[in-house]
Amino acid sequence: MMEIRVICERPNEAETLKALSTVFDLGPVRRHPARERNRVRLYTTAERTDGAAERPVRRSTAVRVPVEPGPEEAYANAPGIVSEIAWVGDRTASRAAGEPVGREFWLRKAATLDRIALHDVDNYPPDVAAKAVDVAERAAALLAEFDHRHYTTRGALWPLVQAAGVSYRPYVRQEYLAWKRAGS
C-alpha cells in the first residue's frame, strides 16, 4: 500500500485517475486546490495488483468521488462574497436563541467560505491560506452532516460517505450548483 500525490490540470483529472487505475487499485481520492487555479492536487492510497499491466478492465469496488462541478462552474453567477457574508450574518443575527437554521443557511455559509478559501489559496502562501481552508472544510462538513441527518442531498455525491480526512468542499460545490439550478 502506498500514498500517491498527483498535481494535474483540472480538465485532465478523470483521465489521470483512469490511467492510474490501470496499474493500481485506488482508494478514495482526496482533492485539494493547487497553487495554480486551473490545477488540482489529488491524493489517494494505491496498491499494485498482480497482473495489473495485463488486465484490460479494472474491477475495483473503490468509490469514486465525482470531479464536477469545479468551483468555476459551481459559483458562476453567484452573488458577491461580501453580499453573501452579509446574508449569512443577517440570518445569524435575526434568529432567536436556540432556533435552528435551515439548509439554505448551511449551504450558503459553506459556499461562501469555500469561495474565500479558493481566493486565499490562489493569492497567498499556503501558510497564510491554511486558516481559510480549515474554516471552509469545517463549514463543508457541517453542511454534509445537516444533509445526512435531513436527507436533503441533491447531487450524486452523498454526504458522510467519505473517508476521514477527505474534503467535503467538492460536495458543497455540487450542492450549491444544484441549489442554484433549482432556482434557489
N, C-alpha and C. Protein backbone atom coordinates (compact mmCIF):
# COMPACT_ATOMS: atom_id res chain seq x y z
N MET A 1 0.85 -1.18 0.00
CA MET A 1 0.00 0.00 0.00
C MET A 1 0.89 1.23 0.00
N MET A 2 0.51 2.22 -0.78
CA MET A 2 1.28 3.46 -0.83
C MET A 2 0.33 4.63 -0.97
N GLU A 3 0.84 5.81 -0.71
CA GLU A 3 0.10 7.06 -0.90
C GLU A 3 0.63 7.72 -2.16
N ILE A 4 -0.26 8.15 -3.03
CA ILE A 4 0.14 8.81 -4.27
C ILE A 4 -0.41 10.24 -4.27
N ARG A 5 0.44 11.17 -4.68
CA ARG A 5 0.00 12.56 -4.88
C ARG A 5 0.25 12.91 -6.33
N VAL A 6 -0.76 13.48 -6.97
CA VAL A 6 -0.66 13.90 -8.36
C VAL A 6 -1.15 15.34 -8.43
N ILE A 7 -0.43 16.17 -9.16
CA ILE A 7 -0.90 17.52 -9.47
C ILE A 7 -1.14 17.55 -10.97
N CYS A 8 -2.38 17.87 -11.36
CA CYS A 8 -2.70 17.86 -12.77
C CYS A 8 -3.67 19.00 -13.10
N GLU A 9 -3.84 19.24 -14.38
CA GLU A 9 -4.81 20.22 -14.84
C GLU A 9 -6.20 19.69 -14.51
N ARG A 10 -7.11 20.56 -14.08
CA ARG A 10 -8.46 20.12 -13.73
C ARG A 10 -9.15 19.34 -14.85
N PRO A 11 -9.07 19.78 -16.11
CA PRO A 11 -9.74 19.02 -17.17
C PRO A 11 -9.17 17.62 -17.38
N ASN A 12 -7.93 17.38 -16.94
CA ASN A 12 -7.29 16.08 -17.14
C ASN A 12 -7.43 15.16 -15.94
N GLU A 13 -8.17 15.56 -14.92
CA GLU A 13 -8.26 14.78 -13.70
C GLU A 13 -8.82 13.38 -13.93
N ALA A 14 -9.93 13.27 -14.62
CA ALA A 14 -10.54 11.95 -14.84
C ALA A 14 -9.61 11.05 -15.64
N GLU A 15 -8.97 11.60 -16.66
CA GLU A 15 -8.03 10.82 -17.48
C GLU A 15 -6.83 10.36 -16.65
N THR A 16 -6.34 11.23 -15.77
CA THR A 16 -5.21 10.88 -14.92
C THR A 16 -5.58 9.74 -13.98
N LEU A 17 -6.75 9.84 -13.36
CA LEU A 17 -7.18 8.78 -12.44
C LEU A 17 -7.43 7.47 -13.19
N LYS A 18 -7.95 7.58 -14.39
CA LYS A 18 -8.18 6.38 -15.20
C LYS A 18 -6.85 5.69 -15.52
N ALA A 19 -5.83 6.47 -15.85
CA ALA A 19 -4.52 5.91 -16.15
C ALA A 19 -3.92 5.24 -14.91
N LEU A 20 -4.04 5.88 -13.77
CA LEU A 20 -3.53 5.27 -12.53
C LEU A 20 -4.26 3.97 -12.21
N SER A 21 -5.57 3.95 -12.48
CA SER A 21 -6.36 2.76 -12.13
C SER A 21 -6.03 1.56 -13.00
N THR A 22 -5.32 1.75 -14.10
CA THR A 22 -4.92 0.59 -14.91
C THR A 22 -3.78 -0.18 -14.26
N VAL A 23 -3.06 0.47 -13.35
CA VAL A 23 -1.92 -0.16 -12.71
C VAL A 23 -2.17 -0.43 -11.23
N PHE A 24 -3.03 0.40 -10.60
CA PHE A 24 -3.25 0.31 -9.16
C PHE A 24 -4.73 0.17 -8.84
N ASP A 25 -5.00 -0.48 -7.71
CA ASP A 25 -6.32 -0.38 -7.11
C ASP A 25 -6.27 0.86 -6.24
N LEU A 26 -7.11 1.84 -6.55
CA LEU A 26 -7.07 3.12 -5.86
C LEU A 26 -8.11 3.18 -4.76
N GLY A 27 -7.74 3.85 -3.67
CA GLY A 27 -8.68 4.14 -2.61
C GLY A 27 -9.43 5.41 -2.94
N PRO A 28 -10.23 5.93 -1.98
CA PRO A 28 -10.94 7.18 -2.22
C PRO A 28 -9.95 8.31 -2.56
N VAL A 29 -10.35 9.16 -3.47
CA VAL A 29 -9.50 10.26 -3.92
C VAL A 29 -9.83 11.51 -3.12
N ARG A 30 -8.80 12.13 -2.57
CA ARG A 30 -8.95 13.39 -1.84
C ARG A 30 -8.46 14.51 -2.74
N ARG A 31 -9.25 15.54 -2.88
CA ARG A 31 -8.92 16.65 -3.77
C ARG A 31 -8.63 17.89 -2.96
N HIS A 32 -7.57 18.59 -3.38
CA HIS A 32 -7.20 19.86 -2.75
C HIS A 32 -6.78 20.82 -3.85
N PRO A 33 -7.03 22.10 -3.67
CA PRO A 33 -6.61 23.05 -4.69
C PRO A 33 -5.09 23.12 -4.78
N ALA A 34 -4.61 23.35 -5.97
CA ALA A 34 -3.18 23.60 -6.18
C ALA A 34 -2.98 25.11 -6.21
N ARG A 35 -1.74 25.53 -6.21
CA ARG A 35 -1.48 26.97 -6.25
C ARG A 35 -2.03 27.62 -7.50
N GLU A 36 -1.91 26.92 -8.63
CA GLU A 36 -2.46 27.44 -9.87
C GLU A 36 -3.94 27.09 -9.93
N ARG A 37 -4.77 28.06 -10.23
CA ARG A 37 -6.22 27.88 -10.20
C ARG A 37 -6.72 26.76 -11.11
N ASN A 38 -6.04 26.53 -12.21
CA ASN A 38 -6.52 25.53 -13.17
C ASN A 38 -5.98 24.13 -12.87
N ARG A 39 -5.32 23.96 -11.73
CA ARG A 39 -4.76 22.65 -11.37
C ARG A 39 -5.36 22.18 -10.06
N VAL A 40 -5.23 20.89 -9.82
CA VAL A 40 -5.75 20.27 -8.60
C VAL A 40 -4.73 19.26 -8.09
N ARG A 41 -4.66 19.14 -6.76
CA ARG A 41 -3.81 18.11 -6.15
C ARG A 41 -4.70 16.94 -5.77
N LEU A 42 -4.32 15.75 -6.17
CA LEU A 42 -5.07 14.53 -5.88
C LEU A 42 -4.23 13.64 -4.98
N TYR A 43 -4.82 13.13 -3.94
CA TYR A 43 -4.15 12.20 -3.04
C TYR A 43 -5.00 10.94 -2.97
N THR A 44 -4.35 9.79 -3.03
CA THR A 44 -5.07 8.53 -2.91
C THR A 44 -4.13 7.45 -2.40
N THR A 45 -4.69 6.45 -1.78
CA THR A 45 -3.90 5.27 -1.45
C THR A 45 -3.99 4.34 -2.66
N ALA A 46 -2.93 3.59 -2.87
CA ALA A 46 -2.89 2.71 -4.03
C ALA A 46 -2.17 1.42 -3.67
N GLU A 47 -2.61 0.37 -4.32
CA GLU A 47 -1.96 -0.92 -4.15
C GLU A 47 -1.85 -1.55 -5.53
N ARG A 48 -0.63 -1.93 -5.85
CA ARG A 48 -0.42 -2.58 -7.14
C ARG A 48 -1.00 -3.98 -7.07
N THR A 49 -1.74 -4.33 -8.09
CA THR A 49 -2.36 -5.65 -8.11
C THR A 49 -1.55 -6.59 -8.98
N ASP A 50 -1.64 -7.87 -8.70
CA ASP A 50 -0.94 -8.87 -9.52
C ASP A 50 -1.52 -8.85 -10.93
N GLY A 51 -0.63 -8.77 -11.89
CA GLY A 51 -1.05 -8.78 -13.28
C GLY A 51 -1.75 -7.51 -13.71
N ALA A 52 -1.54 -6.44 -13.02
CA ALA A 52 -2.24 -5.19 -13.33
C ALA A 52 -1.99 -4.75 -14.75
N ALA A 53 -0.79 -4.95 -15.25
CA ALA A 53 -0.47 -4.50 -16.61
C ALA A 53 -1.25 -5.29 -17.65
N GLU A 54 -1.57 -6.58 -17.36
CA GLU A 54 -2.26 -7.40 -18.34
C GLU A 54 -3.77 -7.24 -18.29
N ARG A 55 -4.29 -6.71 -17.20
CA ARG A 55 -5.74 -6.62 -17.06
C ARG A 55 -6.32 -5.57 -17.99
N PRO A 56 -7.24 -5.92 -18.87
CA PRO A 56 -7.85 -4.93 -19.73
C PRO A 56 -8.89 -4.07 -19.01
N VAL A 57 -9.56 -4.63 -18.01
CA VAL A 57 -10.60 -3.90 -17.29
C VAL A 57 -10.33 -3.98 -15.80
N ARG A 58 -10.42 -2.88 -15.14
CA ARG A 58 -10.21 -2.83 -13.69
C ARG A 58 -11.51 -3.15 -12.99
N ARG A 59 -11.46 -4.03 -12.00
CA ARG A 59 -12.64 -4.41 -11.25
C ARG A 59 -12.45 -4.04 -9.78
N SER A 60 -12.65 -2.79 -9.50
CA SER A 60 -12.44 -2.30 -8.14
C SER A 60 -13.78 -1.91 -7.53
N THR A 61 -13.86 -2.00 -6.23
CA THR A 61 -15.06 -1.55 -5.52
C THR A 61 -14.84 -0.18 -4.89
N ALA A 62 -13.71 0.44 -5.19
CA ALA A 62 -13.42 1.76 -4.63
C ALA A 62 -14.46 2.77 -5.10
N VAL A 63 -14.90 3.62 -4.19
CA VAL A 63 -15.88 4.65 -4.50
C VAL A 63 -15.18 5.82 -5.17
N ARG A 64 -15.71 6.27 -6.26
CA ARG A 64 -15.15 7.41 -6.98
C ARG A 64 -15.91 8.66 -6.58
N VAL A 65 -15.21 9.68 -6.21
CA VAL A 65 -15.83 10.95 -5.89
C VAL A 65 -15.95 11.73 -7.19
N PRO A 66 -17.17 12.16 -7.54
CA PRO A 66 -17.32 12.91 -8.78
C PRO A 66 -16.45 14.17 -8.78
N VAL A 67 -15.89 14.46 -9.94
CA VAL A 67 -15.00 15.60 -10.08
C VAL A 67 -15.80 16.89 -10.23
N GLU A 68 -16.86 16.82 -10.95
CA GLU A 68 -17.63 18.02 -11.28
C GLU A 68 -18.66 18.29 -10.19
N PRO A 69 -19.05 19.50 -10.01
CA PRO A 69 -18.59 20.66 -10.74
C PRO A 69 -17.34 21.25 -10.10
N GLY A 70 -16.55 21.90 -10.90
CA GLY A 70 -15.42 22.66 -10.38
C GLY A 70 -15.92 23.97 -9.80
N PRO A 71 -15.08 24.68 -9.10
CA PRO A 71 -15.51 25.95 -8.50
C PRO A 71 -16.02 26.96 -9.53
N GLU A 72 -15.39 27.00 -10.70
CA GLU A 72 -15.81 27.97 -11.72
C GLU A 72 -17.25 27.73 -12.13
N GLU A 73 -17.61 26.47 -12.33
CA GLU A 73 -18.98 26.15 -12.73
C GLU A 73 -19.95 26.34 -11.57
N ALA A 74 -19.58 25.85 -10.41
CA ALA A 74 -20.48 25.92 -9.26
C ALA A 74 -20.81 27.35 -8.86
N TYR A 75 -19.82 28.22 -8.91
CA TYR A 75 -20.02 29.58 -8.42
C TYR A 75 -20.19 30.62 -9.52
N ALA A 76 -20.38 30.16 -10.76
CA ALA A 76 -20.65 31.11 -11.85
C ALA A 76 -21.94 31.85 -11.53
N ASN A 77 -21.92 33.13 -11.67
CA ASN A 77 -23.09 33.99 -11.43
C ASN A 77 -23.56 33.98 -9.97
N ALA A 78 -22.72 33.55 -9.07
CA ALA A 78 -23.06 33.60 -7.64
C ALA A 78 -23.00 35.05 -7.17
N PRO A 79 -23.78 35.40 -6.17
CA PRO A 79 -23.69 36.75 -5.62
C PRO A 79 -22.28 37.01 -5.10
N GLY A 80 -21.90 38.25 -4.95
CA GLY A 80 -20.58 38.59 -4.44
C GLY A 80 -20.36 38.05 -3.05
N ILE A 81 -19.11 37.82 -2.72
CA ILE A 81 -18.77 37.27 -1.40
C ILE A 81 -19.24 38.19 -0.28
N VAL A 82 -19.07 39.49 -0.45
CA VAL A 82 -19.48 40.43 0.60
C VAL A 82 -20.98 40.35 0.84
N SER A 83 -21.77 40.27 -0.22
CA SER A 83 -23.22 40.19 -0.03
C SER A 83 -23.62 38.86 0.60
N GLU A 84 -22.90 37.80 0.29
CA GLU A 84 -23.19 36.50 0.91
C GLU A 84 -22.82 36.50 2.40
N ILE A 85 -21.71 37.14 2.72
CA ILE A 85 -21.34 37.27 4.14
C ILE A 85 -22.43 38.05 4.88
N ALA A 86 -22.92 39.11 4.25
CA ALA A 86 -23.99 39.90 4.86
C ALA A 86 -25.26 39.06 5.04
N TRP A 87 -25.60 38.24 4.04
CA TRP A 87 -26.78 37.38 4.14
C TRP A 87 -26.65 36.41 5.32
N VAL A 88 -25.49 35.75 5.40
CA VAL A 88 -25.26 34.80 6.50
C VAL A 88 -25.31 35.52 7.84
N GLY A 89 -24.68 36.69 7.92
CA GLY A 89 -24.70 37.47 9.16
C GLY A 89 -26.10 37.89 9.55
N ASP A 90 -26.91 38.33 8.60
CA ASP A 90 -28.30 38.73 8.88
C ASP A 90 -29.10 37.56 9.41
N ARG A 91 -28.94 36.39 8.80
CA ARG A 91 -29.69 35.21 9.26
C ARG A 91 -29.26 34.81 10.67
N THR A 92 -27.98 34.92 10.93
CA THR A 92 -27.47 34.58 12.26
C THR A 92 -28.02 35.55 13.30
N ALA A 93 -28.00 36.83 12.98
CA ALA A 93 -28.44 37.86 13.94
C ALA A 93 -29.95 37.87 14.15
N SER A 94 -30.71 37.50 13.12
CA SER A 94 -32.17 37.63 13.21
C SER A 94 -32.87 36.42 13.82
N ARG A 95 -32.18 35.33 13.99
CA ARG A 95 -32.86 34.16 14.56
C ARG A 95 -32.84 34.22 16.08
N ALA A 96 -33.87 33.68 16.66
CA ALA A 96 -33.98 33.65 18.12
C ALA A 96 -32.98 32.64 18.69
N ALA A 97 -32.56 32.86 19.89
CA ALA A 97 -31.60 31.95 20.55
C ALA A 97 -32.17 30.54 20.56
N GLY A 98 -31.38 29.61 20.11
CA GLY A 98 -31.78 28.21 20.09
C GLY A 98 -32.61 27.80 18.88
N GLU A 99 -33.03 28.77 18.06
CA GLU A 99 -33.81 28.46 16.88
C GLU A 99 -32.89 27.83 15.83
N PRO A 100 -33.26 26.68 15.28
CA PRO A 100 -32.38 26.03 14.30
C PRO A 100 -32.35 26.82 12.99
N VAL A 101 -31.26 26.68 12.29
CA VAL A 101 -31.14 27.30 10.97
C VAL A 101 -31.39 26.22 9.93
N GLY A 102 -31.84 26.63 8.77
CA GLY A 102 -32.18 25.69 7.72
C GLY A 102 -31.03 25.37 6.80
N ARG A 103 -31.32 24.55 5.83
CA ARG A 103 -30.31 24.10 4.89
C ARG A 103 -29.71 25.23 4.07
N GLU A 104 -30.55 26.17 3.65
CA GLU A 104 -30.04 27.28 2.85
C GLU A 104 -28.94 28.03 3.60
N PHE A 105 -29.09 28.20 4.90
CA PHE A 105 -28.06 28.87 5.70
C PHE A 105 -26.74 28.10 5.64
N TRP A 106 -26.80 26.79 5.93
CA TRP A 106 -25.57 25.98 5.95
C TRP A 106 -24.93 25.92 4.57
N LEU A 107 -25.76 25.83 3.52
CA LEU A 107 -25.24 25.77 2.15
C LEU A 107 -24.56 27.08 1.75
N ARG A 108 -25.24 28.20 1.97
CA ARG A 108 -24.67 29.48 1.56
C ARG A 108 -23.45 29.84 2.40
N LYS A 109 -23.47 29.48 3.67
CA LYS A 109 -22.29 29.73 4.51
C LYS A 109 -21.11 28.91 4.02
N ALA A 110 -21.33 27.62 3.79
CA ALA A 110 -20.24 26.75 3.33
C ALA A 110 -19.71 27.19 1.97
N ALA A 111 -20.61 27.57 1.06
CA ALA A 111 -20.18 28.01 -0.27
C ALA A 111 -19.38 29.32 -0.18
N THR A 112 -19.82 30.23 0.66
CA THR A 112 -19.10 31.50 0.82
C THR A 112 -17.70 31.25 1.38
N LEU A 113 -17.60 30.42 2.40
CA LEU A 113 -16.30 30.13 2.99
C LEU A 113 -15.40 29.35 2.02
N ASP A 114 -16.00 28.50 1.19
CA ASP A 114 -15.23 27.81 0.16
C ASP A 114 -14.67 28.81 -0.85
N ARG A 115 -15.48 29.76 -1.26
CA ARG A 115 -15.02 30.78 -2.21
C ARG A 115 -13.90 31.63 -1.62
N ILE A 116 -14.01 31.96 -0.35
CA ILE A 116 -12.95 32.73 0.32
C ILE A 116 -11.66 31.90 0.35
N ALA A 117 -11.78 30.62 0.68
CA ALA A 117 -10.60 29.75 0.73
C ALA A 117 -9.96 29.62 -0.66
N LEU A 118 -10.78 29.48 -1.70
CA LEU A 118 -10.24 29.40 -3.06
C LEU A 118 -9.46 30.67 -3.40
N HIS A 119 -10.00 31.79 -3.03
CA HIS A 119 -9.32 33.07 -3.28
C HIS A 119 -7.99 33.12 -2.54
N ASP A 120 -8.01 32.73 -1.27
CA ASP A 120 -6.79 32.79 -0.46
C ASP A 120 -5.72 31.84 -0.98
N VAL A 121 -6.12 30.65 -1.40
CA VAL A 121 -5.16 29.68 -1.92
C VAL A 121 -4.50 30.22 -3.19
N ASP A 122 -5.27 30.92 -4.01
CA ASP A 122 -4.73 31.48 -5.25
C ASP A 122 -3.87 32.72 -5.04
N ASN A 123 -4.06 33.42 -3.94
CA ASN A 123 -3.41 34.72 -3.77
C ASN A 123 -2.42 34.82 -2.62
N TYR A 124 -2.34 33.83 -1.78
CA TYR A 124 -1.46 33.90 -0.61
C TYR A 124 -0.65 32.62 -0.48
N PRO A 125 0.45 32.69 0.26
CA PRO A 125 1.23 31.47 0.51
C PRO A 125 0.39 30.45 1.30
N PRO A 126 0.73 29.18 1.19
CA PRO A 126 -0.06 28.13 1.86
C PRO A 126 -0.25 28.35 3.36
N ASP A 127 0.79 28.83 4.04
CA ASP A 127 0.64 29.01 5.49
C ASP A 127 -0.36 30.11 5.82
N VAL A 128 -0.53 31.08 4.95
CA VAL A 128 -1.50 32.15 5.16
C VAL A 128 -2.90 31.66 4.80
N ALA A 129 -3.02 30.92 3.71
CA ALA A 129 -4.32 30.44 3.24
C ALA A 129 -4.86 29.29 4.08
N ALA A 130 -4.02 28.65 4.87
CA ALA A 130 -4.42 27.45 5.61
C ALA A 130 -5.61 27.70 6.53
N LYS A 131 -5.69 28.84 7.17
CA LYS A 131 -6.79 29.14 8.09
C LYS A 131 -8.12 29.18 7.34
N ALA A 132 -8.15 29.86 6.19
CA ALA A 132 -9.38 29.94 5.40
C ALA A 132 -9.79 28.56 4.90
N VAL A 133 -8.82 27.76 4.50
CA VAL A 133 -9.11 26.40 4.03
C VAL A 133 -9.69 25.56 5.17
N ASP A 134 -9.11 25.67 6.35
CA ASP A 134 -9.60 24.92 7.51
C ASP A 134 -11.04 25.31 7.86
N VAL A 135 -11.32 26.60 7.85
CA VAL A 135 -12.67 27.07 8.16
C VAL A 135 -13.65 26.58 7.09
N ALA A 136 -13.26 26.62 5.83
CA ALA A 136 -14.11 26.13 4.75
C ALA A 136 -14.37 24.63 4.88
N GLU A 137 -13.34 23.89 5.27
CA GLU A 137 -13.50 22.44 5.46
C GLU A 137 -14.51 22.15 6.57
N ARG A 138 -14.42 22.89 7.67
CA ARG A 138 -15.35 22.67 8.79
C ARG A 138 -16.78 23.03 8.39
N ALA A 139 -16.95 24.12 7.67
CA ALA A 139 -18.29 24.51 7.22
C ALA A 139 -18.86 23.47 6.24
N ALA A 140 -18.02 22.95 5.37
CA ALA A 140 -18.46 21.92 4.43
C ALA A 140 -18.90 20.66 5.17
N ALA A 141 -18.17 20.29 6.20
CA ALA A 141 -18.54 19.11 7.00
C ALA A 141 -19.87 19.33 7.71
N LEU A 142 -20.13 20.56 8.16
CA LEU A 142 -21.41 20.86 8.82
C LEU A 142 -22.57 20.72 7.84
N LEU A 143 -22.38 21.19 6.60
CA LEU A 143 -23.42 21.02 5.59
C LEU A 143 -23.65 19.54 5.32
N ALA A 144 -22.58 18.78 5.16
CA ALA A 144 -22.71 17.34 4.90
C ALA A 144 -23.44 16.65 6.04
N GLU A 145 -23.13 17.05 7.26
CA GLU A 145 -23.81 16.46 8.43
C GLU A 145 -25.30 16.82 8.42
N PHE A 146 -25.62 18.07 8.12
CA PHE A 146 -27.02 18.50 8.05
C PHE A 146 -27.76 17.69 6.99
N ASP A 147 -27.18 17.59 5.80
CA ASP A 147 -27.83 16.84 4.71
C ASP A 147 -27.98 15.37 5.05
N HIS A 148 -26.99 14.82 5.74
CA HIS A 148 -27.07 13.41 6.14
C HIS A 148 -28.24 13.20 7.11
N ARG A 149 -28.38 14.09 8.08
CA ARG A 149 -29.45 13.97 9.07
C ARG A 149 -30.83 14.20 8.48
N HIS A 150 -30.92 15.10 7.50
CA HIS A 150 -32.21 15.50 6.96
C HIS A 150 -32.51 14.95 5.56
N TYR A 151 -31.62 14.14 5.02
CA TYR A 151 -31.82 13.53 3.70
C TYR A 151 -32.11 14.60 2.63
N THR A 152 -31.30 15.65 2.62
CA THR A 152 -31.55 16.77 1.72
C THR A 152 -30.51 16.90 0.61
N THR A 153 -29.75 15.88 0.37
CA THR A 153 -28.75 15.91 -0.70
C THR A 153 -29.44 15.98 -2.06
N ARG A 154 -28.88 16.78 -2.97
CA ARG A 154 -29.47 16.92 -4.31
C ARG A 154 -28.59 16.33 -5.40
N GLY A 155 -27.31 16.15 -5.15
CA GLY A 155 -26.38 15.70 -6.19
C GLY A 155 -26.03 14.24 -6.07
N ALA A 156 -25.09 13.82 -6.92
CA ALA A 156 -24.67 12.42 -6.99
C ALA A 156 -23.79 12.01 -5.82
N LEU A 157 -23.02 12.95 -5.28
CA LEU A 157 -22.13 12.65 -4.16
C LEU A 157 -22.89 12.77 -2.86
N TRP A 158 -22.96 11.69 -2.09
CA TRP A 158 -23.71 11.70 -0.84
C TRP A 158 -22.82 12.12 0.31
N PRO A 159 -23.40 12.76 1.31
CA PRO A 159 -22.61 13.22 2.46
C PRO A 159 -22.23 12.06 3.37
N LEU A 160 -21.16 12.24 4.08
CA LEU A 160 -20.68 11.33 5.11
C LEU A 160 -20.38 9.92 4.59
N VAL A 161 -20.00 9.82 3.33
CA VAL A 161 -19.55 8.54 2.81
C VAL A 161 -18.06 8.58 2.52
N GLN A 162 -17.45 9.70 2.81
CA GLN A 162 -16.05 9.87 2.51
C GLN A 162 -15.19 9.42 3.69
N ALA A 163 -14.01 8.98 3.38
CA ALA A 163 -13.08 8.55 4.42
C ALA A 163 -12.62 9.76 5.23
N ALA A 164 -12.17 9.50 6.45
CA ALA A 164 -11.66 10.57 7.29
C ALA A 164 -10.55 11.31 6.57
N GLY A 165 -10.55 12.62 6.70
CA GLY A 165 -9.53 13.43 6.07
C GLY A 165 -9.84 13.84 4.64
N VAL A 166 -10.97 13.39 4.10
CA VAL A 166 -11.35 13.74 2.74
C VAL A 166 -12.17 15.02 2.78
N SER A 167 -11.90 15.91 1.87
CA SER A 167 -12.58 17.19 1.83
C SER A 167 -14.03 17.06 1.40
N TYR A 168 -14.90 17.80 2.07
CA TYR A 168 -16.30 17.90 1.67
C TYR A 168 -16.53 19.13 0.80
N ARG A 169 -15.50 19.88 0.49
CA ARG A 169 -15.69 21.08 -0.32
C ARG A 169 -16.23 20.76 -1.71
N PRO A 170 -15.82 19.67 -2.39
CA PRO A 170 -16.47 19.34 -3.66
C PRO A 170 -17.97 19.06 -3.48
N TYR A 171 -18.33 18.50 -2.33
CA TYR A 171 -19.74 18.27 -2.03
C TYR A 171 -20.50 19.59 -1.95
N VAL A 172 -19.90 20.59 -1.31
CA VAL A 172 -20.52 21.92 -1.21
C VAL A 172 -20.76 22.48 -2.60
N ARG A 173 -19.78 22.37 -3.48
CA ARG A 173 -19.91 22.90 -4.85
C ARG A 173 -21.03 22.20 -5.60
N GLN A 174 -21.09 20.88 -5.47
CA GLN A 174 -22.15 20.11 -6.10
C GLN A 174 -23.51 20.59 -5.61
N GLU A 175 -23.65 20.71 -4.31
CA GLU A 175 -24.93 21.08 -3.73
C GLU A 175 -25.31 22.53 -4.04
N TYR A 176 -24.32 23.42 -4.08
CA TYR A 176 -24.60 24.81 -4.39
C TYR A 176 -25.10 24.94 -5.83
N LEU A 177 -24.44 24.24 -6.75
CA LEU A 177 -24.85 24.28 -8.15
C LEU A 177 -26.27 23.70 -8.30
N ALA A 178 -26.56 22.60 -7.64
CA ALA A 178 -27.89 22.01 -7.72
C ALA A 178 -28.94 22.97 -7.15
N TRP A 179 -28.60 23.64 -6.07
CA TRP A 179 -29.50 24.61 -5.45
C TRP A 179 -29.77 25.79 -6.39
N LYS A 180 -28.72 26.30 -7.03
CA LYS A 180 -28.89 27.41 -7.96
C LYS A 180 -29.72 26.99 -9.18
N ARG A 181 -29.45 25.79 -9.68
CA ARG A 181 -30.22 25.31 -10.85
C ARG A 181 -31.69 25.11 -10.52
N ALA A 182 -31.97 24.77 -9.27
CA ALA A 182 -33.36 24.57 -8.85
C ALA A 182 -34.08 25.89 -8.62
N GLY A 183 -33.36 26.99 -8.77
CA GLY A 183 -34.00 28.30 -8.62
C GLY A 183 -33.85 28.87 -7.23
N SER A 184 -32.85 28.39 -6.51
CA SER A 184 -32.56 28.85 -5.15
C SER A 184 -33.71 28.56 -4.27
